[in-house]
Amino acid sequence: MIPIEVENRIANYFFHRYLPEEVMIKIVDRLLTPCTRTDEEDLDIDELVSWAIEIIDEQLEDKPLR
């Protein structure tokens, strides 16, 4: 099994290297408000991840990565 830290670092690299800028902007726009208005320990991490995945899936549907 791959350690979670390794998975997180790979995902972080992918996120910043391969996602088109407009997708990253949409994700930041969606997640920034709840992340800045809620204490970190009170955030629903699963919900934030789901929102980001929905945006990525919607934006990248049938589009190649760079």
C-alpha atoms as a PDB file:
ATOM      1  CA  MET A   1       0.000   0.000   0.000  1.00  0.00           C
ATOM      2  CA  ILE A   2       1.270   3.461  -0.889  1.00  0.00           C
ATOM      3  CA  PRO A   3       1.623   5.767   2.130  1.00  0.00           C
ATOM      4  CA  ILE A   4      -0.921   8.602   2.195  1.00  0.00           C
ATOM      5  CA  GLU A   5       1.866  11.213   2.261  1.00  0.00           C
ATOM      6  CA  VAL A   6       3.200   9.863  -1.038  1.00  0.00           C
ATOM      7  CA  GLU A   7      -0.276   9.904  -2.585  1.00  0.00           C
ATOM      8  CA  ASN A   8      -0.835  13.459  -1.377  1.00  0.00           C
ATOM      9  CA  ARG A   9       2.452  14.668  -2.840  1.00  0.00           C
ATOM     10  CA  ILE A  10       1.737  13.003  -6.197  1.00  0.00           C
ATOM     11  CA  ALA A  11      -1.760  14.505  -6.261  1.00  0.00           C
ATOM     12  CA  ASN A  12      -0.389  17.937  -5.360  1.00  0.00           C
ATOM     13  CA  TYR A  13       2.158  17.706  -8.181  1.00  0.00           C
ATOM     14  CA  PHE A  14      -0.519  16.635 -10.662  1.00  0.00           C
ATOM     15  CA  PHE A  15      -2.906  19.362  -9.518  1.00  0.00           C
ATOM     16  CA  HIS A  16      -0.373  22.135 -10.022  1.00  0.00           C
ATOM     17  CA  ARG A  17       1.348  20.742 -13.108  1.00  0.00           C
ATOM     18  CA  TYR A  18      -1.409  19.336 -15.296  1.00  0.00           C
ATOM     19  CA  LEU A  19      -4.756  20.908 -14.498  1.00  0.00           C
ATOM     20  CA  PRO A  20      -5.587  23.787 -16.809  1.00  0.00           C
ATOM     21  CA  GLU A  21      -5.481  27.140 -15.058  1.00  0.00           C
ATOM     22  CA  GLU A  22      -9.203  27.765 -15.607  1.00  0.00           C
ATOM     23  CA  VAL A  23     -10.021  24.522 -13.761  1.00  0.00           C
ATOM     24  CA  MET A  24      -7.765  25.468 -10.865  1.00  0.00           C
ATOM     25  CA  ILE A  25      -9.432  28.896 -10.692  1.00  0.00           C
ATOM     26  CA  LYS A  26     -12.906  27.324 -10.533  1.00  0.00           C
ATOM     27  CA  ILE A  27     -11.787  24.990  -7.750  1.00  0.00           C
ATOM     28  CA  VAL A  28     -10.217  27.815  -5.741  1.00  0.00           C
ATOM     29  CA  ASP A  29     -13.304  29.990  -6.261  1.00  0.00           C
ATOM     30  CA  ARG A  30     -15.557  27.202  -4.953  1.00  0.00           C
ATOM     31  CA  LEU A  31     -13.418  26.140  -1.996  1.00  0.00           C
ATOM     32  CA  LEU A  32     -11.898  29.400  -0.809  1.00  0.00           C
ATOM     33  CA  THR A  33     -14.970  30.853   0.896  1.00  0.00           C
ATOM     34  CA  PRO A  34     -15.815  27.835   3.049  1.00  0.00           C
ATOM     35  CA  CYS A  35     -12.134  27.333   3.877  1.00  0.00           C
ATOM     36  CA  THR A  36     -11.644  30.918   5.011  1.00  0.00           C
ATOM     37  CA  ARG A  37     -14.922  31.197   6.939  1.00  0.00           C
ATOM     38  CA  THR A  38     -14.672  27.931   8.852  1.00  0.00           C
ATOM     39  CA  ASP A  39     -12.130  26.751  11.376  1.00  0.00           C
ATOM     40  CA  GLU A  40      -9.956  24.061   9.847  1.00  0.00           C
ATOM     41  CA  GLU A  41     -11.046  21.418  12.360  1.00  0.00           C
ATOM     42  CA  ASP A  42     -14.708  22.117  11.489  1.00  0.00           C
ATOM     43  CA  LEU A  43     -14.309  21.759   7.716  1.00  0.00           C
ATOM     44  CA  ASP A  44     -16.003  18.821   6.036  1.00  0.00           C
ATOM     45  CA  ILE A  45     -12.984  17.590   4.101  1.00  0.00           C
ATOM     46  CA  ASP A  46     -14.964  14.921   2.250  1.00  0.00           C
ATOM     47  CA  GLU A  47     -17.415  17.544   1.003  1.00  0.00           C
ATOM     48  CA  LEU A  48     -14.610  19.846  -0.161  1.00  0.00           C
ATOM     49  CA  VAL A  49     -12.954  16.993  -2.037  1.00  0.00           C
ATOM     50  CA  SER A  50     -16.281  16.031  -3.624  1.00  0.00           C
ATOM     51  CA  TRP A  51     -16.839  19.604  -4.821  1.00  0.00           C
ATOM     52  CA  ALA A  52     -13.352  19.727  -6.348  1.00  0.00           C
ATOM     53  CA  ILE A  53     -13.809  16.354  -8.061  1.00  0.00           C
ATOM     54  CA  GLU A  54     -17.136  17.462  -9.513  1.00  0.00           C
ATOM     55  CA  ILE A  55     -15.507  20.570 -10.961  1.00  0.00           C
ATOM     56  CA  ILE A  56     -12.574  18.591 -12.360  1.00  0.00           C
ATOM     57  CA  ASP A  57     -14.836  15.958 -13.930  1.00  0.00           C
ATOM     58  CA  GLU A  58     -17.137  18.586 -15.410  1.00  0.00           C
ATOM     59  CA  GLN A  59     -14.335  20.752 -16.770  1.00  0.00           C
ATOM     60  CA  LEU A  60     -12.165  17.958 -18.133  1.00  0.00           C
ATOM     61  CA  GLU A  61     -14.870  15.825 -19.683  1.00  0.00           C
ATOM     62  CA  ASP A  62     -13.539  14.814 -23.106  1.00  0.00           C
ATOM     63  CA  LYS A  63     -10.608  17.262 -22.848  1.00  0.00           C
ATOM     64  CA  PRO A  64      -6.999  16.133 -22.910  1.00  0.00           C
ATOM     65  CA  LEU A  65      -4.586  17.168 -20.191  1.00  0.00           C
ATOM     66  CA  ARG A  66      -1.595  19.158 -21.314  1.00  0.00           C
END
